[in-house]
């Protein structure tokens, strides 16, 4: 967030509709740079940089989208059944974009 004016503006950051991530937010370069460590999908959203001095204020909105490779919510587990028994296999995954789940038996789609 680089804003040039006289007198020098005070920079402030907010996350629209939420709070800046607690204990993971750091400011650098006289608050011109907002740094978030250990980013998660919940950190997606609009961040607003506000520069203010005695003569007025300006702001800019930065849209942040956190992408995530597929990851297991509940990984499938091996199942041992006897003939005639019923079995249930559960596969729960998430990511951004949301992954599609495919089932195969011996390499052949079911």
C-alpha atoms as a PDB file:
ATOM      1  CA  UNK A   1       0.000   0.000   0.000  1.00  0.00           C
ATOM      2  CA  UNK A   2       2.106   2.919  -1.274  1.00  0.00           C
ATOM      3  CA  UNK A   3       0.553   6.358  -0.903  1.00  0.00           C
ATOM      4  CA  UNK A   4       2.594   9.548  -1.168  1.00  0.00           C
ATOM      5  CA  UNK A   5       1.421  12.795   0.404  1.00  0.00           C
ATOM      6  CA  UNK A   6       2.475  15.644   2.691  1.00  0.00           C
ATOM      7  CA  UNK A   7       2.122  15.366   5.589  1.00  0.00           C
ATOM      8  CA  UNK A   8       3.073  11.685   5.498  1.00  0.00           C
ATOM      9  CA  UNK A   9      -0.066   9.529   5.809  1.00  0.00           C
ATOM     10  CA  UNK A  10      -0.753   6.974   8.505  1.00  0.00           C
ATOM     11  CA  UNK A  11      -1.474   3.562   6.977  1.00  0.00           C
ATOM     12  CA  UNK A  12      -4.120   1.213   8.377  1.00  0.00           C
ATOM     13  CA  UNK A  13      -5.237  -2.226   7.163  1.00  0.00           C
ATOM     14  CA  UNK A  14      -8.605  -3.935   7.663  1.00  0.00           C
ATOM     15  CA  UNK A  15     -10.214  -7.098   6.352  1.00  0.00           C
ATOM     16  CA  UNK A  16     -13.699  -6.389   5.063  1.00  0.00           C
ATOM     17  CA  UNK A  17     -16.311  -8.432   6.920  1.00  0.00           C
ATOM     18  CA  UNK A  18     -13.795  -9.869   9.384  1.00  0.00           C
ATOM     19  CA  UNK A  19     -10.674  -9.443  11.425  1.00  0.00           C
ATOM     20  CA  UNK A  20      -7.044  -9.520  10.369  1.00  0.00           C
ATOM     21  CA  UNK A  21      -5.641 -12.962  11.256  1.00  0.00           C
ATOM     22  CA  UNK A  22      -4.600 -12.804  14.919  1.00  0.00           C
ATOM     23  CA  UNK A  23      -0.975 -13.677  15.721  1.00  0.00           C
ATOM     24  CA  UNK A  24      -0.207 -14.224  12.010  1.00  0.00           C
ATOM     25  CA  UNK A  25      -0.290 -10.615  10.777  1.00  0.00           C
ATOM     26  CA  UNK A  26       2.828  -8.480  10.543  1.00  0.00           C
ATOM     27  CA  UNK A  27       3.495  -5.071   9.056  1.00  0.00           C
ATOM     28  CA  UNK A  28       6.642  -4.049   7.211  1.00  0.00           C
ATOM     29  CA  UNK A  29       7.938  -0.930   5.494  1.00  0.00           C
ATOM     30  CA  UNK A  30       6.153   1.506   7.855  1.00  0.00           C
ATOM     31  CA  UNK A  31       2.864  -0.460   7.562  1.00  0.00           C
ATOM     32  CA  UNK A  32       2.901  -0.205   3.761  1.00  0.00           C
ATOM     33  CA  UNK A  33       3.212  -3.993   3.552  1.00  0.00           C
ATOM     34  CA  UNK A  34       0.795  -6.396   5.225  1.00  0.00           C
ATOM     35  CA  UNK A  35       2.303  -9.864   5.723  1.00  0.00           C
ATOM     36  CA  UNK A  36       0.224 -12.904   6.717  1.00  0.00           C
ATOM     37  CA  UNK A  37       2.055 -16.092   7.645  1.00  0.00           C
ATOM     38  CA  UNK A  38       0.710 -19.656   7.579  1.00  0.00           C
ATOM     39  CA  UNK A  39      -2.104 -18.677   5.198  1.00  0.00           C
ATOM     40  CA  UNK A  40      -5.348 -20.686   5.196  1.00  0.00           C
ATOM     41  CA  UNK A  41      -8.468 -20.616   3.011  1.00  0.00           C
ATOM     42  CA  UNK A  42     -10.195 -18.505   5.693  1.00  0.00           C
ATOM     43  CA  UNK A  43      -7.744 -15.706   4.849  1.00  0.00           C
ATOM     44  CA  UNK A  44      -9.423 -15.211   1.451  1.00  0.00           C
ATOM     45  CA  UNK A  45     -11.348 -11.970   1.168  1.00  0.00           C
ATOM     46  CA  UNK A  46     -11.025  -8.261   0.572  1.00  0.00           C
ATOM     47  CA  UNK A  47      -8.334  -6.352   2.425  1.00  0.00           C
ATOM     48  CA  UNK A  48      -8.520  -2.569   2.586  1.00  0.00           C
ATOM     49  CA  UNK A  49      -5.513  -0.294   2.885  1.00  0.00           C
ATOM     50  CA  UNK A  50      -6.389   3.163   4.229  1.00  0.00           C
ATOM     51  CA  UNK A  51      -3.970   6.102   4.070  1.00  0.00           C
ATOM     52  CA  UNK A  52      -4.953   9.117   6.166  1.00  0.00           C
ATOM     53  CA  UNK A  53      -3.455  12.471   7.099  1.00  0.00           C
ATOM     54  CA  UNK A  54      -4.940  15.777   8.334  1.00  0.00           C
ATOM     55  CA  UNK A  55      -5.989  16.678   4.788  1.00  0.00           C
ATOM     56  CA  UNK A  56      -8.029  13.546   4.077  1.00  0.00           C
ATOM     57  CA  UNK A  57      -7.968   9.843   3.359  1.00  0.00           C
ATOM     58  CA  UNK A  58      -7.822   7.416   0.448  1.00  0.00           C
ATOM     59  CA  UNK A  59      -8.226   3.658   0.341  1.00  0.00           C
ATOM     60  CA  UNK A  60      -7.671   0.732  -1.950  1.00  0.00           C
ATOM     61  CA  UNK A  61      -9.230  -2.735  -1.795  1.00  0.00           C
ATOM     62  CA  UNK A  62      -7.111  -5.784  -2.564  1.00  0.00           C
ATOM     63  CA  UNK A  63      -8.907  -9.057  -3.275  1.00  0.00           C
ATOM     64  CA  UNK A  64      -7.080 -12.131  -1.945  1.00  0.00           C
ATOM     65  CA  UNK A  65      -7.958 -15.661  -3.052  1.00  0.00           C
ATOM     66  CA  UNK A  66      -6.259 -18.592  -1.353  1.00  0.00           C
ATOM     67  CA  UNK A  67      -6.005 -21.667  -3.564  1.00  0.00           C
ATOM     68  CA  UNK A  68      -5.513 -25.104  -2.010  1.00  0.00           C
ATOM     69  CA  UNK A  69      -4.497 -28.408  -3.561  1.00  0.00           C
ATOM     70  CA  UNK A  70      -6.858 -31.275  -2.690  1.00  0.00           C
ATOM     71  CA  UNK A  71      -6.470 -32.575   0.844  1.00  0.00           C
ATOM     72  CA  UNK A  72      -8.206 -35.286   2.852  1.00  0.00           C
ATOM     73  CA  UNK A  73     -10.973 -34.469   5.289  1.00  0.00           C
ATOM     74  CA  UNK A  74     -11.596 -38.204   5.740  1.00  0.00           C
ATOM     75  CA  UNK A  75      -9.254 -40.489   3.822  1.00  0.00           C
ATOM     76  CA  UNK A  76     -10.633 -43.813   2.576  1.00  0.00           C
ATOM     77  CA  UNK A  77      -9.766 -46.781   4.760  1.00  0.00           C
ATOM     78  CA  UNK A  78      -9.223 -50.385   3.779  1.00  0.00           C
ATOM     79  CA  UNK A  79     -12.237 -52.618   4.205  1.00  0.00           C
ATOM     80  CA  UNK A  80     -12.270 -56.398   4.674  1.00  0.00           C
ATOM     81  CA  UNK A  81     -15.625 -58.090   4.044  1.00  0.00           C
ATOM     82  CA  UNK A  82     -16.960 -61.600   3.869  1.00  0.00           C
ATOM     83  CA  UNK A  83     -19.184 -62.686   0.958  1.00  0.00           C
ATOM     84  CA  UNK A  84     -22.727 -61.352   1.439  1.00  0.00           C
ATOM     85  CA  UNK A  85     -21.721 -58.522   3.797  1.00  0.00           C
ATOM     86  CA  UNK A  86     -22.374 -54.860   3.072  1.00  0.00           C
ATOM     87  CA  UNK A  87     -19.610 -52.281   3.221  1.00  0.00           C
ATOM     88  CA  UNK A  88     -19.328 -48.530   3.027  1.00  0.00           C
ATOM     89  CA  UNK A  89     -16.326 -46.635   1.747  1.00  0.00           C
ATOM     90  CA  UNK A  90     -16.069 -42.977   2.695  1.00  0.00           C
ATOM     91  CA  UNK A  91     -13.931 -40.445   0.843  1.00  0.00           C
ATOM     92  CA  UNK A  92     -14.090 -36.787   1.860  1.00  0.00           C
ATOM     93  CA  UNK A  93     -11.728 -34.281   0.290  1.00  0.00           C
ATOM     94  CA  UNK A  94     -11.596 -30.523  -0.024  1.00  0.00           C
ATOM     95  CA  UNK A  95      -9.557 -27.883  -1.809  1.00  0.00           C
ATOM     96  CA  UNK A  96      -9.955 -24.676  -3.765  1.00  0.00           C
ATOM     97  CA  UNK A  97     -11.181 -25.134  -6.385  1.00  0.00           C
ATOM     98  CA  UNK A  98     -13.295 -27.966  -4.950  1.00  0.00           C
ATOM     99  CA  UNK A  99     -11.912 -31.297  -6.192  1.00  0.00           C
ATOM    100  CA  UNK A 100     -14.002 -33.876  -8.001  1.00  0.00           C
ATOM    101  CA  UNK A 101     -14.004 -37.379  -6.514  1.00  0.00           C
ATOM    102  CA  UNK A 102     -13.873 -40.455  -8.729  1.00  0.00           C
ATOM    103  CA  UNK A 103     -14.232 -44.084  -7.669  1.00  0.00           C
ATOM    104  CA  UNK A 104     -12.429 -46.891  -9.482  1.00  0.00           C
ATOM    105  CA  UNK A 105     -12.371 -50.639  -8.899  1.00  0.00           C
ATOM    106  CA  UNK A 106      -9.136 -52.259 -10.121  1.00  0.00           C
ATOM    107  CA  UNK A 107      -8.440 -49.152 -12.216  1.00  0.00           C
ATOM    108  CA  UNK A 108     -11.882 -49.147 -13.866  1.00  0.00           C
ATOM    109  CA  UNK A 109     -14.371 -46.333 -13.121  1.00  0.00           C
ATOM    110  CA  UNK A 110     -17.413 -47.487 -11.201  1.00  0.00           C
END
